[in-house]
């Protein structure tokens, strides 16, 4: 709950900022993550004619059909817009951090050096941090609504403990690490700009 308090304070600080004027702040949600039961909320603030900063948070706190995919993550990002902020092409640099608790997931495949088949019989609980770069495009729907697509790649470092099964508490390995390189952000954001 401490993380949610920090995010709430940051969001309040953004809204109380004296530079928050018309077409300078956007509230957003990532429709892809929302559809996967990982609700996302974000705020983006214009800091210069072609620059914005974005802070998004994701939470998945549910167990669905005995599958454990619980996690929270925050992802701050700085963006440079080629035309004007909140419209057209942009490039970005982001960081990310959070915690996870994954297990009882039948995903029999490997992706960029990560073996997801291990999630079926073991549970992984730990933290992650990383950074990446992204490219995106924002379409203006009307005065206040935009839709945006973004794809980011980067590196994520994680530390975790491994448990024998998804629900039991028997720890079989601890303080292991993993380096991941690949997609760090995939988004189709619905944005309300004011």
Protein backbone atom coordinates (compact mmCIF):
# COMPACT_ATOMS: atom_id res chain seq x y z
CA UNK A 1 0.00 0.00 0.00
CA UNK A 2 2.97 2.32 0.55
CA UNK A 3 3.63 2.36 -3.21
CA UNK A 4 0.07 3.48 -3.92
CA UNK A 5 0.43 6.33 -1.43
CA UNK A 6 3.63 7.47 -3.16
CA UNK A 7 1.94 7.33 -6.59
CA UNK A 8 -1.06 9.25 -5.26
CA UNK A 9 1.20 11.96 -3.81
CA UNK A 10 3.09 12.25 -7.11
CA UNK A 11 -0.17 12.56 -9.04
CA UNK A 12 -1.43 15.24 -6.66
CA UNK A 13 1.85 17.13 -7.01
CA UNK A 14 1.51 17.08 -10.78
CA UNK A 15 -2.03 18.45 -10.65
CA UNK A 16 -1.08 21.15 -8.16
CA UNK A 17 1.87 22.30 -10.27
CA UNK A 18 1.57 25.91 -11.41
CA UNK A 19 2.51 24.95 -14.99
CA UNK A 20 -0.55 22.69 -15.33
CA UNK A 21 -2.63 24.63 -17.85
CA UNK A 22 -4.72 23.79 -20.91
CA UNK A 23 -3.29 21.06 -23.17
CA UNK A 24 -0.40 20.55 -20.77
CA UNK A 25 -1.52 17.46 -18.80
CA UNK A 26 -2.81 14.09 -19.97
CA UNK A 27 -4.40 11.28 -17.95
CA UNK A 28 -4.01 7.86 -19.55
CA UNK A 29 -4.61 4.16 -19.34
CA UNK A 30 -2.96 1.36 -21.34
CA UNK A 31 -5.83 -0.54 -22.95
CA UNK A 32 -3.62 -3.61 -23.65
CA UNK A 33 -2.60 -4.01 -20.00
CA UNK A 34 -6.17 -3.26 -18.86
CA UNK A 35 -7.45 -6.12 -21.06
CA UNK A 36 -4.90 -8.46 -19.41
CA UNK A 37 -6.26 -7.54 -15.94
CA UNK A 38 -3.26 -5.33 -15.14
CA UNK A 39 -4.93 -1.92 -14.78
CA UNK A 40 -2.67 0.99 -15.64
CA UNK A 41 -3.04 4.63 -14.75
CA UNK A 42 -0.68 7.36 -15.86
CA UNK A 43 -0.19 11.09 -16.00
CA UNK A 44 1.86 12.99 -18.57
CA UNK A 45 2.90 16.62 -18.11
CA UNK A 46 4.28 19.06 -20.68
CA UNK A 47 7.54 20.63 -19.49
CA UNK A 48 8.61 22.39 -22.73
CA UNK A 49 7.09 22.87 -26.22
CA UNK A 50 8.43 19.48 -27.42
CA UNK A 51 9.08 17.70 -24.10
CA UNK A 52 6.83 15.80 -21.69
CA UNK A 53 7.37 13.59 -18.66
CA UNK A 54 5.16 10.59 -18.00
CA UNK A 55 4.60 8.49 -14.89
CA UNK A 56 2.57 5.28 -15.21
CA UNK A 57 1.75 2.62 -12.65
CA UNK A 58 0.48 -0.92 -13.22
CA UNK A 59 -1.10 -3.28 -10.70
CA UNK A 60 -2.16 -6.90 -11.03
CA UNK A 61 -3.31 -8.22 -7.66
CA UNK A 62 -5.60 -11.05 -8.73
CA UNK A 63 -5.35 -14.80 -9.03
CA UNK A 64 -7.36 -16.01 -12.05
CA UNK A 65 -8.13 -19.74 -12.51
CA UNK A 66 -5.39 -20.66 -10.00
CA UNK A 67 -2.78 -18.81 -12.08
CA UNK A 68 -0.62 -16.45 -10.04
CA UNK A 69 0.57 -13.41 -11.98
CA UNK A 70 0.74 -10.69 -9.36
CA UNK A 71 2.88 -7.62 -9.81
CA UNK A 72 3.10 -3.88 -9.45
CA UNK A 73 5.32 -1.62 -11.50
CA UNK A 74 6.02 2.08 -11.93
CA UNK A 75 7.49 3.42 -15.14
CA UNK A 76 8.68 7.05 -15.37
CA UNK A 77 9.47 8.29 -18.87
CA UNK A 78 10.81 11.39 -20.61
CA UNK A 79 9.54 12.07 -24.14
CA UNK A 80 10.70 14.24 -27.04
CA UNK A 81 7.97 15.08 -29.58
CA UNK A 82 9.01 15.80 -33.17
CA UNK A 83 6.14 18.20 -33.91
CA UNK A 84 4.33 19.33 -30.78
CA UNK A 85 3.67 17.58 -27.49
CA UNK A 86 0.73 15.16 -27.34
CA UNK A 87 0.61 14.87 -31.17
CA UNK A 88 2.48 12.82 -33.76
CA UNK A 89 5.80 10.99 -33.46
CA UNK A 90 7.89 10.83 -30.27
CA UNK A 91 10.93 9.05 -28.86
CA UNK A 92 11.35 8.30 -25.18
CA UNK A 93 13.63 6.99 -22.47
CA UNK A 94 12.10 5.18 -19.51
CA UNK A 95 13.00 3.47 -16.27
CA UNK A 96 10.95 0.83 -14.48
CA UNK A 97 10.77 -0.85 -11.12
CA UNK A 98 8.45 -3.08 -9.17
CA UNK A 99 7.80 -6.41 -7.50
CA UNK A 100 6.34 -9.69 -8.78
CA UNK A 101 4.94 -13.04 -7.66
CA UNK A 102 4.48 -15.46 -10.61
CA UNK A 103 3.54 -19.15 -10.63
CA UNK A 104 1.23 -21.96 -11.85
CA UNK A 105 1.33 -20.53 -15.38
CA UNK A 106 1.44 -22.98 -18.28
CA UNK A 107 3.60 -21.08 -20.79
CA UNK A 108 5.79 -23.61 -22.56
CA UNK A 109 8.10 -21.29 -24.52
CA UNK A 110 11.39 -19.42 -24.35
CA UNK A 111 11.71 -15.77 -25.30
CA UNK A 112 15.01 -13.88 -25.60
CA UNK A 113 16.78 -16.07 -23.04
CA UNK A 114 13.90 -16.30 -20.56
CA UNK A 115 12.39 -19.79 -20.06
CA UNK A 116 8.70 -19.24 -19.24
CA UNK A 117 8.04 -23.01 -18.92
CA UNK A 118 9.55 -22.86 -15.40
CA UNK A 119 6.49 -20.88 -14.25
CA UNK A 120 4.32 -24.03 -14.38
CA UNK A 121 5.87 -25.92 -11.46
CA UNK A 122 7.64 -23.16 -9.52
CA UNK A 123 6.75 -19.76 -8.10
CA UNK A 124 9.07 -16.75 -8.48
CA UNK A 125 8.82 -13.86 -6.03
CA UNK A 126 11.08 -10.81 -6.08
CA UNK A 127 11.79 -7.34 -7.44
CA UNK A 128 12.85 -5.84 -10.77
CA UNK A 129 14.43 -2.65 -12.11
CA UNK A 130 15.42 -1.60 -15.59
CA UNK A 131 15.59 1.01 -18.33
CA UNK A 132 14.81 1.31 -22.01
CA UNK A 133 14.06 3.45 -25.03
CA UNK A 134 10.82 3.70 -26.99
CA UNK A 135 9.14 5.06 -30.08
CA UNK A 136 5.49 6.04 -30.32
CA UNK A 137 2.82 7.95 -32.16
CA UNK A 138 -0.19 9.84 -30.80
CA UNK A 139 -3.35 10.44 -32.84
CA UNK A 140 -5.59 13.37 -31.88
CA UNK A 141 -9.22 12.22 -31.79
CA UNK A 142 -10.68 15.58 -30.72
CA UNK A 143 -9.82 18.53 -28.48
CA UNK A 144 -9.43 16.38 -25.36
CA UNK A 145 -8.99 12.76 -26.45
CA UNK A 146 -5.96 11.03 -28.00
CA UNK A 147 -5.01 7.46 -28.70
CA UNK A 148 -1.36 6.52 -28.66
CA UNK A 149 0.74 3.49 -29.61
CA UNK A 150 4.21 2.89 -28.14
CA UNK A 151 6.83 0.16 -28.27
CA UNK A 152 9.90 0.13 -26.03
CA UNK A 153 12.93 -2.13 -25.70
CA UNK A 154 15.43 -2.30 -22.89
CA UNK A 155 17.02 -4.22 -20.06
CA UNK A 156 15.47 -5.49 -16.81
CA UNK A 157 17.42 -6.90 -13.86
CA UNK A 158 15.55 -9.00 -11.30
CA UNK A 159 16.31 -10.63 -7.94
CA UNK A 160 13.98 -13.33 -6.68
CA UNK A 161 13.34 -16.37 -4.51
CA UNK A 162 11.96 -19.63 -5.97
CA UNK A 163 9.24 -21.71 -4.28
CA UNK A 164 8.26 -25.33 -5.00
CA UNK A 165 4.68 -24.58 -6.11
CA UNK A 166 2.35 -21.66 -6.75
CA UNK A 167 0.67 -21.73 -3.31
CA UNK A 168 3.07 -23.45 -0.93
CA UNK A 169 5.69 -21.66 1.12
CA UNK A 170 8.61 -24.10 0.73
CA UNK A 171 11.52 -22.02 -0.57
CA UNK A 172 13.88 -24.06 -2.74
CA UNK A 173 16.28 -21.32 -3.96
CA UNK A 174 16.87 -17.76 -2.85
CA UNK A 175 18.42 -14.50 -3.97
CA UNK A 176 18.80 -15.55 -7.61
CA UNK A 177 19.19 -12.99 -10.39
CA UNK A 178 18.14 -12.72 -14.01
CA UNK A 179 18.96 -10.25 -16.79
CA UNK A 180 16.37 -9.72 -19.51
CA UNK A 181 16.78 -7.78 -22.74
CA UNK A 182 13.76 -7.24 -25.01
CA UNK A 183 10.42 -5.42 -25.03
CA UNK A 184 9.94 -3.34 -21.88
CA UNK A 185 6.86 -1.42 -22.97
CA UNK A 186 3.95 -2.20 -25.30
CA UNK A 187 1.11 0.27 -25.07
CA UNK A 188 -2.08 1.41 -26.71
CA UNK A 189 -2.98 4.32 -24.47
CA UNK A 190 -6.30 6.14 -24.27
CA UNK A 191 -5.52 9.70 -23.13
CA UNK A 192 -7.62 12.58 -21.84
CA UNK A 193 -5.67 15.81 -22.42
CA UNK A 194 -6.53 19.06 -20.64
